[in-house]
Amino acid sequence: MDTCDTRVRAYKNGKTFDQCKEVAERMNPIFKDHIEKYGKILWTEILSQVDHDELIYKLTLKFLRRDDYDIGNNKIPEVKKFIL
């Protein structure tokens, strides 16, 4: 019986999951620069920058959180540096 390999499933624009991760990693320095310059970036700005690709958007937020940024919540939809 044939089974589907989820690791090679095509997402938006025919990208695999690993390709989406690479795109998100490449875009994070742009978002980090914006945060350093303006203090924050809105979720809507990130979404428009990733061309409304939901997977890349979610991965971008995940990687920003990993890199010690406060990604906000549904009441505060913005990403900013953690203040210690």
PDB file of N, CA and C in Angstrom:
ATOM      1  N   MET A   1       0.841  -1.165   0.000  1.00  0.00           N
ATOM      2  CA  MET A   1       0.000   0.000   0.000  1.00  0.00           C
ATOM      3  C   MET A   1       0.896   1.241   0.000  1.00  0.00           C
ATOM      4  N   ASP A   2       0.554   2.240  -0.829  1.00  0.00           N
ATOM      5  CA  ASP A   2       1.293   3.490  -0.881  1.00  0.00           C
ATOM      6  C   ASP A   2       0.851   4.409   0.249  1.00  0.00           C
ATOM      7  N   THR A   3       1.804   5.139   0.805  1.00  0.00           N
ATOM      8  CA  THR A   3       1.480   6.123   1.834  1.00  0.00           C
ATOM      9  C   THR A   3       2.040   7.470   1.422  1.00  0.00           C
ATOM     10  N   CYS A   4       1.458   8.503   1.964  1.00  0.00           N
ATOM     11  CA  CYS A   4       1.929   9.852   1.671  1.00  0.00           C
ATOM     12  C   CYS A   4       3.078  10.203   2.609  1.00  0.00           C
ATOM     13  N   ASP A   5       4.109  10.784   2.060  1.00  0.00           N
ATOM     14  CA  ASP A   5       5.229  11.258   2.858  1.00  0.00           C
ATOM     15  C   ASP A   5       4.993  12.732   3.132  1.00  0.00           C
ATOM     16  N   THR A   6       4.662  13.069   4.378  1.00  0.00           N
ATOM     17  CA  THR A   6       4.314  14.449   4.711  1.00  0.00           C
ATOM     18  C   THR A   6       5.499  15.384   4.597  1.00  0.00           C
ATOM     19  N   ARG A   7       6.707  14.869   4.599  1.00  0.00           N
ATOM     20  CA  ARG A   7       7.887  15.734   4.539  1.00  0.00           C
ATOM     21  C   ARG A   7       8.082  16.356   3.161  1.00  0.00           C
ATOM     22  N   VAL A   8       7.444  15.831   2.142  1.00  0.00           N
ATOM     23  CA  VAL A   8       7.609  16.389   0.798  1.00  0.00           C
ATOM     24  C   VAL A   8       6.316  16.983   0.268  1.00  0.00           C
ATOM     25  N   ARG A   9       5.352  17.196   1.144  1.00  0.00           N
ATOM     26  CA  ARG A   9       4.074  17.783   0.741  1.00  0.00           C
ATOM     27  C   ARG A   9       4.300  19.215   0.275  1.00  0.00           C
ATOM     28  N   ALA A  10       3.690  19.579  -0.801  1.00  0.00           N
ATOM     29  CA  ALA A  10       3.829  20.927  -1.325  1.00  0.00           C
ATOM     30  C   ALA A  10       2.862  21.860  -0.599  1.00  0.00           C
ATOM     31  N   TYR A  11       3.388  22.975  -0.134  1.00  0.00           N
ATOM     32  CA  TYR A  11       2.580  24.006   0.490  1.00  0.00           C
ATOM     33  C   TYR A  11       2.341  25.104  -0.539  1.00  0.00           C
ATOM     34  N   LYS A  12       2.001  26.293  -0.094  1.00  0.00           N
ATOM     35  CA  LYS A  12       1.713  27.383  -1.020  1.00  0.00           C
ATOM     36  C   LYS A  12       2.881  27.591  -1.985  1.00  0.00           C
ATOM     37  N   ASN A  13       2.588  27.840  -3.223  1.00  0.00           N
ATOM     38  CA  ASN A  13       3.568  28.049  -4.286  1.00  0.00           C
ATOM     39  C   ASN A  13       4.440  26.827  -4.530  1.00  0.00           C
ATOM     40  N   GLY A  14       3.992  25.635  -4.133  1.00  0.00           N
ATOM     41  CA  GLY A  14       4.707  24.400  -4.420  1.00  0.00           C
ATOM     42  C   GLY A  14       5.949  24.163  -3.585  1.00  0.00           C
ATOM     43  N   LYS A  15       6.105  24.871  -2.478  1.00  0.00           N
ATOM     44  CA  LYS A  15       7.281  24.708  -1.627  1.00  0.00           C
ATOM     45  C   LYS A  15       7.081  23.552  -0.656  1.00  0.00           C
ATOM     46  N   THR A  16       8.184  22.884  -0.326  1.00  0.00           N
ATOM     47  CA  THR A  16       8.138  21.857   0.712  1.00  0.00           C
ATOM     48  C   THR A  16       8.278  22.550   2.068  1.00  0.00           C
ATOM     49  N   PHE A  17       8.077  21.795   3.133  1.00  0.00           N
ATOM     50  CA  PHE A  17       8.188  22.349   4.484  1.00  0.00           C
ATOM     51  C   PHE A  17       9.595  22.885   4.727  1.00  0.00           C
ATOM     52  N   ASP A  18      10.616  22.146   4.304  1.00  0.00           N
ATOM     53  CA  ASP A  18      11.995  22.597   4.509  1.00  0.00           C
ATOM     54  C   ASP A  18      12.284  23.884   3.750  1.00  0.00           C
ATOM     55  N   GLN A  19      11.740  24.029   2.559  1.00  0.00           N
ATOM     56  CA  GLN A  19      11.921  25.268   1.801  1.00  0.00           C
ATOM     57  C   GLN A  19      11.233  26.436   2.506  1.00  0.00           C
ATOM     58  N   CYS A  20      10.068  26.186   3.078  1.00  0.00           N
ATOM     59  CA  CYS A  20       9.355  27.231   3.828  1.00  0.00           C
ATOM     60  C   CYS A  20      10.169  27.649   5.052  1.00  0.00           C
ATOM     61  N   LYS A  21      10.801  26.684   5.727  1.00  0.00           N
ATOM     62  CA  LYS A  21      11.644  27.007   6.873  1.00  0.00           C
ATOM     63  C   LYS A  21      12.819  27.884   6.447  1.00  0.00           C
ATOM     64  N   GLU A  22      13.421  27.573   5.313  1.00  0.00           N
ATOM     65  CA  GLU A  22      14.552  28.359   4.818  1.00  0.00           C
ATOM     66  C   GLU A  22      14.127  29.790   4.497  1.00  0.00           C
ATOM     67  N   VAL A  23      12.951  29.935   3.881  1.00  0.00           N
ATOM     68  CA  VAL A  23      12.446  31.277   3.555  1.00  0.00           C
ATOM     69  C   VAL A  23      12.211  32.069   4.835  1.00  0.00           C
ATOM     70  N   ALA A  24      11.609  31.437   5.828  1.00  0.00           N
ATOM     71  CA  ALA A  24      11.341  32.112   7.103  1.00  0.00           C
ATOM     72  C   ALA A  24      12.644  32.527   7.778  1.00  0.00           C
ATOM     73  N   GLU A  25      13.644  31.666   7.758  1.00  0.00           N
ATOM     74  CA  GLU A  25      14.944  31.999   8.360  1.00  0.00           C
ATOM     75  C   GLU A  25      15.606  33.166   7.623  1.00  0.00           C
ATOM     76  N   ARG A  26      15.469  33.209   6.295  1.00  0.00           N
ATOM     77  CA  ARG A  26      16.059  34.303   5.509  1.00  0.00           C
ATOM     78  C   ARG A  26      15.355  35.626   5.751  1.00  0.00           C
ATOM     79  N   MET A  27      14.071  35.597   6.059  1.00  0.00           N
ATOM     80  CA  MET A  27      13.312  36.830   6.256  1.00  0.00           C
ATOM     81  C   MET A  27      13.473  37.395   7.663  1.00  0.00           C
ATOM     82  N   ASN A  28      13.838  36.576   8.629  1.00  0.00           N
ATOM     83  CA  ASN A  28      13.938  37.034  10.014  1.00  0.00           C
ATOM     84  C   ASN A  28      14.914  38.189  10.214  1.00  0.00           C
ATOM     85  N   PRO A  29      16.079  38.210   9.571  1.00  0.00           N
ATOM     86  CA  PRO A  29      16.956  39.382   9.768  1.00  0.00           C
ATOM     87  C   PRO A  29      16.302  40.695   9.334  1.00  0.00           C
ATOM     88  N   ILE A  30      15.468  40.655   8.323  1.00  0.00           N
ATOM     89  CA  ILE A  30      14.750  41.852   7.878  1.00  0.00           C
ATOM     90  C   ILE A  30      13.817  42.333   8.984  1.00  0.00           C
ATOM     91  N   PHE A  31      13.084  41.397   9.587  1.00  0.00           N
ATOM     92  CA  PHE A  31      12.158  41.746  10.657  1.00  0.00           C
ATOM     93  C   PHE A  31      12.910  42.223  11.900  1.00  0.00           C
ATOM     94  N   LYS A  32      14.037  41.587  12.201  1.00  0.00           N
ATOM     95  CA  LYS A  32      14.837  41.997  13.361  1.00  0.00           C
ATOM     96  C   LYS A  32      15.362  43.416  13.175  1.00  0.00           C
ATOM     97  N   ASP A  33      15.814  43.756  11.976  1.00  0.00           N
ATOM     98  CA  ASP A  33      16.274  45.114  11.690  1.00  0.00           C
ATOM     99  C   ASP A  33      15.150  46.126  11.890  1.00  0.00           C
ATOM    100  N   HIS A  34      13.948  45.766  11.419  1.00  0.00           N
ATOM    101  CA  HIS A  34      12.786  46.645  11.571  1.00  0.00           C
ATOM    102  C   HIS A  34      12.479  46.866  13.054  1.00  0.00           C
ATOM    103  N   ILE A  35      12.550  45.798  13.841  1.00  0.00           N
ATOM    104  CA  ILE A  35      12.271  45.903  15.276  1.00  0.00           C
ATOM    105  C   ILE A  35      13.315  46.774  15.958  1.00  0.00           C
ATOM    106  N   GLU A  36      14.573  46.608  15.595  1.00  0.00           N
ATOM    107  CA  GLU A  36      15.637  47.423  16.182  1.00  0.00           C
ATOM    108  C   GLU A  36      15.445  48.902  15.838  1.00  0.00           C
ATOM    109  N   LYS A  37      14.995  49.172  14.618  1.00  0.00           N
ATOM    110  CA  LYS A  37      14.837  50.556  14.165  1.00  0.00           C
ATOM    111  C   LYS A  37      13.589  51.223  14.746  1.00  0.00           C
ATOM    112  N   TYR A  38      12.456  50.501  14.743  1.00  0.00           N
ATOM    113  CA  TYR A  38      11.176  51.092  15.142  1.00  0.00           C
ATOM    114  C   TYR A  38      10.641  50.602  16.488  1.00  0.00           C
ATOM    115  N   GLY A  39      11.286  49.607  17.088  1.00  0.00           N
ATOM    116  CA  GLY A  39      10.848  49.115  18.390  1.00  0.00           C
ATOM    117  C   GLY A  39       9.857  47.975  18.337  1.00  0.00           C
ATOM    118  N   LYS A  40       9.180  47.815  17.221  1.00  0.00           N
ATOM    119  CA  LYS A  40       8.219  46.718  17.080  1.00  0.00           C
ATOM    120  C   LYS A  40       7.861  46.541  15.606  1.00  0.00           C
ATOM    121  N   ILE A  41       7.211  45.411  15.322  1.00  0.00           N
ATOM    122  CA  ILE A  41       6.638  45.169  14.002  1.00  0.00           C
ATOM    123  C   ILE A  41       5.292  44.483  14.226  1.00  0.00           C
ATOM    124  N   LEU A  42       4.291  44.918  13.501  1.00  0.00           N
ATOM    125  CA  LEU A  42       2.949  44.351  13.649  1.00  0.00           C
ATOM    126  C   LEU A  42       2.838  43.023  12.912  1.00  0.00           C
ATOM    127  N   TRP A  43       1.960  42.163  13.418  1.00  0.00           N
ATOM    128  CA  TRP A  43       1.729  40.881  12.754  1.00  0.00           C
ATOM    129  C   TRP A  43       1.275  41.087  11.317  1.00  0.00           C
ATOM    130  N   THR A  44       0.453  42.104  11.083  1.00  0.00           N
ATOM    131  CA  THR A  44      -0.056  42.342   9.725  1.00  0.00           C
ATOM    132  C   THR A  44       1.075  42.714   8.768  1.00  0.00           C
ATOM    133  N   GLU A  45       2.083  43.410   9.273  1.00  0.00           N
ATOM    134  CA  GLU A  45       3.233  43.754   8.437  1.00  0.00           C
ATOM    135  C   GLU A  45       4.016  42.501   8.059  1.00  0.00           C
ATOM    136  N   ILE A  46       4.191  41.597   9.021  1.00  0.00           N
ATOM    137  CA  ILE A  46       4.883  40.336   8.734  1.00  0.00           C
ATOM    138  C   ILE A  46       4.093  39.538   7.711  1.00  0.00           C
ATOM    139  N   LEU A  47       2.780  39.452   7.911  1.00  0.00           N
ATOM    140  CA  LEU A  47       1.935  38.690   7.000  1.00  0.00           C
ATOM    141  C   LEU A  47       2.005  39.229   5.576  1.00  0.00           C
ATOM    142  N   SER A  48       2.018  40.539   5.428  1.00  0.00           N
ATOM    143  CA  SER A  48       2.102  41.095   4.075  1.00  0.00           C
ATOM    144  C   SER A  48       3.485  40.867   3.475  1.00  0.00           C
ATOM    145  N   GLN A  49       4.535  40.891   4.291  1.00  0.00           N
ATOM    146  CA  GLN A  49       5.896  40.658   3.790  1.00  0.00           C
ATOM    147  C   GLN A  49       6.090  39.224   3.307  1.00  0.00           C
ATOM    148  N   VAL A  50       5.412  38.270   3.951  1.00  0.00           N
ATOM    149  CA  VAL A  50       5.557  36.867   3.544  1.00  0.00           C
ATOM    150  C   VAL A  50       4.520  36.480   2.487  1.00  0.00           C
ATOM    151  N   ASP A  51       3.885  37.485   1.902  1.00  0.00           N
ATOM    152  CA  ASP A  51       2.922  37.280   0.817  1.00  0.00           C
ATOM    153  C   ASP A  51       1.740  36.409   1.251  1.00  0.00           C
ATOM    154  N   HIS A  52       1.290  36.619   2.482  1.00  0.00           N
ATOM    155  CA  HIS A  52       0.128  35.915   3.050  1.00  0.00           C
ATOM    156  C   HIS A  52       0.274  34.392   3.008  1.00  0.00           C
ATOM    157  N   ASP A  53       1.507  33.909   3.124  1.00  0.00           N
ATOM    158  CA  ASP A  53       1.776  32.476   3.224  1.00  0.00           C
ATOM    159  C   ASP A  53       1.729  32.112   4.707  1.00  0.00           C
ATOM    160  N   GLU A  54       0.671  31.420   5.113  1.00  0.00           N
ATOM    161  CA  GLU A  54       0.422  31.154   6.528  1.00  0.00           C
ATOM    162  C   GLU A  54       1.539  30.339   7.178  1.00  0.00           C
ATOM    163  N   LEU A  55       2.084  29.370   6.480  1.00  0.00           N
ATOM    164  CA  LEU A  55       3.127  28.533   7.062  1.00  0.00           C
ATOM    165  C   LEU A  55       4.400  29.341   7.315  1.00  0.00           C
ATOM    166  N   ILE A  56       4.817  30.138   6.353  1.00  0.00           N
ATOM    167  CA  ILE A  56       6.015  30.954   6.529  1.00  0.00           C
ATOM    168  C   ILE A  56       5.778  31.987   7.638  1.00  0.00           C
ATOM    169  N   TYR A  57       4.587  32.531   7.691  1.00  0.00           N
ATOM    170  CA  TYR A  57       4.214  33.486   8.742  1.00  0.00           C
ATOM    171  C   TYR A  57       4.372  32.858  10.130  1.00  0.00           C
ATOM    172  N   LYS A  58       3.823  31.660  10.305  1.00  0.00           N
ATOM    173  CA  LYS A  58       3.902  30.987  11.600  1.00  0.00           C
ATOM    174  C   LYS A  58       5.337  30.598  11.941  1.00  0.00           C
ATOM    175  N   LEU A  59       6.085  30.138  10.946  1.00  0.00           N
ATOM    176  CA  LEU A  59       7.483  29.789  11.187  1.00  0.00           C
ATOM    177  C   LEU A  59       8.298  31.034  11.551  1.00  0.00           C
ATOM    178  N   THR A  60       8.006  32.139  10.903  1.00  0.00           N
ATOM    179  CA  THR A  60       8.707  33.390  11.201  1.00  0.00           C
ATOM    180  C   THR A  60       8.480  33.780  12.660  1.00  0.00           C
ATOM    181  N   LEU A  61       7.241  33.728  13.126  1.00  0.00           N
ATOM    182  CA  LEU A  61       6.949  34.040  14.526  1.00  0.00           C
ATOM    183  C   LEU A  61       7.650  33.064  15.469  1.00  0.00           C
ATOM    184  N   LYS A  62       7.650  31.794  15.092  1.00  0.00           N
ATOM    185  CA  LYS A  62       8.316  30.773  15.907  1.00  0.00           C
ATOM    186  C   LYS A  62       9.812  31.078  16.030  1.00  0.00           C
ATOM    187  N   PHE A  63      10.449  31.436  14.920  1.00  0.00           N
ATOM    188  CA  PHE A  63      11.881  31.711  14.940  1.00  0.00           C
ATOM    189  C   PHE A  63      12.188  33.011  15.683  1.00  0.00           C
ATOM    190  N   LEU A  64      11.309  33.995  15.584  1.00  0.00           N
ATOM    191  CA  LEU A  64      11.508  35.230  16.342  1.00  0.00           C
ATOM    192  C   LEU A  64      11.410  34.955  17.847  1.00  0.00           C
ATOM    193  N   ARG A  65      10.458  34.119  18.245  1.00  0.00           N
ATOM    194  CA  ARG A  65      10.336  33.755  19.664  1.00  0.00           C
ATOM    195  C   ARG A  65      11.586  33.005  20.120  1.00  0.00           C
ATOM    196  N   ARG A  66      12.085  32.111  19.273  1.00  0.00           N
ATOM    197  CA  ARG A  66      13.306  31.369  19.578  1.00  0.00           C
ATOM    198  C   ARG A  66      14.493  32.318  19.797  1.00  0.00           C
ATOM    199  N   ASP A  67      14.499  33.428  19.057  1.00  0.00           N
ATOM    200  CA  ASP A  67      15.592  34.395  19.134  1.00  0.00           C
ATOM    201  C   ASP A  67      15.337  35.486  20.171  1.00  0.00           C
ATOM    202  N   ASP A  68      14.496  35.175  21.158  1.00  0.00           N
ATOM    203  CA  ASP A  68      14.227  36.047  22.311  1.00  0.00           C
ATOM    204  C   ASP A  68      13.464  37.321  21.975  1.00  0.00           C
ATOM    205  N   TYR A  69      12.476  37.219  21.128  1.00  0.00           N
ATOM    206  CA  TYR A  69      11.573  38.334  20.864  1.00  0.00           C
ATOM    207  C   TYR A  69      10.215  37.991  21.444  1.00  0.00           C
ATOM    208  N   ASP A  70       9.512  39.000  21.924  1.00  0.00           N
ATOM    209  CA  ASP A  70       8.158  38.843  22.441  1.00  0.00           C
ATOM    210  C   ASP A  70       7.222  38.932  21.247  1.00  0.00           C
ATOM    211  N   ILE A  71       6.565  37.814  20.909  1.00  0.00           N
ATOM    212  CA  ILE A  71       5.717  37.805  19.712  1.00  0.00           C
ATOM    213  C   ILE A  71       4.288  38.242  19.992  1.00  0.00           C
ATOM    214  N   GLY A  72       4.008  38.666  21.205  1.00  0.00           N
ATOM    215  CA  GLY A  72       2.683  39.188  21.518  1.00  0.00           C
ATOM    216  C   GLY A  72       1.617  38.113  21.642  1.00  0.00           C
ATOM    217  N   ASN A  73       0.362  38.548  21.509  1.00  0.00           N
ATOM    218  CA  ASN A  73      -0.778  37.637  21.580  1.00  0.00           C
ATOM    219  C   ASN A  73      -1.934  38.261  20.803  1.00  0.00           C
ATOM    220  N   ASN A  74      -3.119  37.673  20.905  1.00  0.00           N
ATOM    221  CA  ASN A  74      -4.243  38.170  20.102  1.00  0.00           C
ATOM    222  C   ASN A  74      -4.699  39.572  20.517  1.00  0.00           C
ATOM    223  N   LYS A  75      -4.361  40.005  21.739  1.00  0.00           N
ATOM    224  CA  LYS A  75      -4.726  41.358  22.170  1.00  0.00           C
ATOM    225  C   LYS A  75      -3.631  42.377  21.856  1.00  0.00           C
ATOM    226  N   ILE A  76      -2.400  41.897  21.724  1.00  0.00           N
ATOM    227  CA  ILE A  76      -1.263  42.761  21.383  1.00  0.00           C
ATOM    228  C   ILE A  76      -0.548  42.115  20.186  1.00  0.00           C
ATOM    229  N   PRO A  77      -1.073  42.288  18.969  1.00  0.00           N
ATOM    230  CA  PRO A  77      -0.519  41.603  17.790  1.00  0.00           C
ATOM    231  C   PRO A  77       0.723  42.300  17.231  1.00  0.00           C
ATOM    232  N   GLU A  78       1.804  42.238  17.993  1.00  0.00           N
ATOM    233  CA  GLU A  78       3.053  42.851  17.560  1.00  0.00           C
ATOM    234  C   GLU A  78       4.232  42.082  18.112  1.00  0.00           C
ATOM    235  N   VAL A  79       5.375  42.219  17.466  1.00  0.00           N
ATOM    236  CA  VAL A  79       6.597  41.576  17.897  1.00  0.00           C
ATOM    237  C   VAL A  79       7.552  42.678  18.353  1.00  0.00           C
ATOM    238  N   LYS A  80       8.158  42.482  19.523  1.00  0.00           N
ATOM    239  CA  LYS A  80       9.123  43.452  20.031  1.00  0.00           C
ATOM    240  C   LYS A  80      10.177  42.725  20.848  1.00  0.00           C
ATOM    241  N   LYS A  81      11.223  43.435  21.202  1.00  0.00           N
ATOM    242  CA  LYS A  81      12.292  42.856  22.026  1.00  0.00           C
ATOM    243  C   LYS A  81      11.778  42.641  23.438  1.00  0.00           C
ATOM    244  N   PHE A  82      12.237  41.542  24.077  1.00  0.00           N
ATOM    245  CA  PHE A  82      11.945  41.341  25.491  1.00  0.00           C
ATOM    246  C   PHE A  82      12.680  42.388  26.297  1.00  0.00           C
ATOM    247  N   ILE A  83      12.007  42.965  27.251  1.00  0.00           N
ATOM    248  CA  ILE A  83      12.639  43.917  28.156  1.00  0.00           C
ATOM    249  C   ILE A  83      12.887  43.185  29.472  1.00  0.00           C
ATOM    250  N   LEU A  84      14.149  43.058  29.832  1.00  0.00           N
ATOM    251  CA  LEU A  84      14.480  42.327  31.049  1.00  0.00           C
ATOM    252  C   LEU A  84      14.584  43.221  32.240  1.00  0.00           C
TER     253      LEU A  84
END
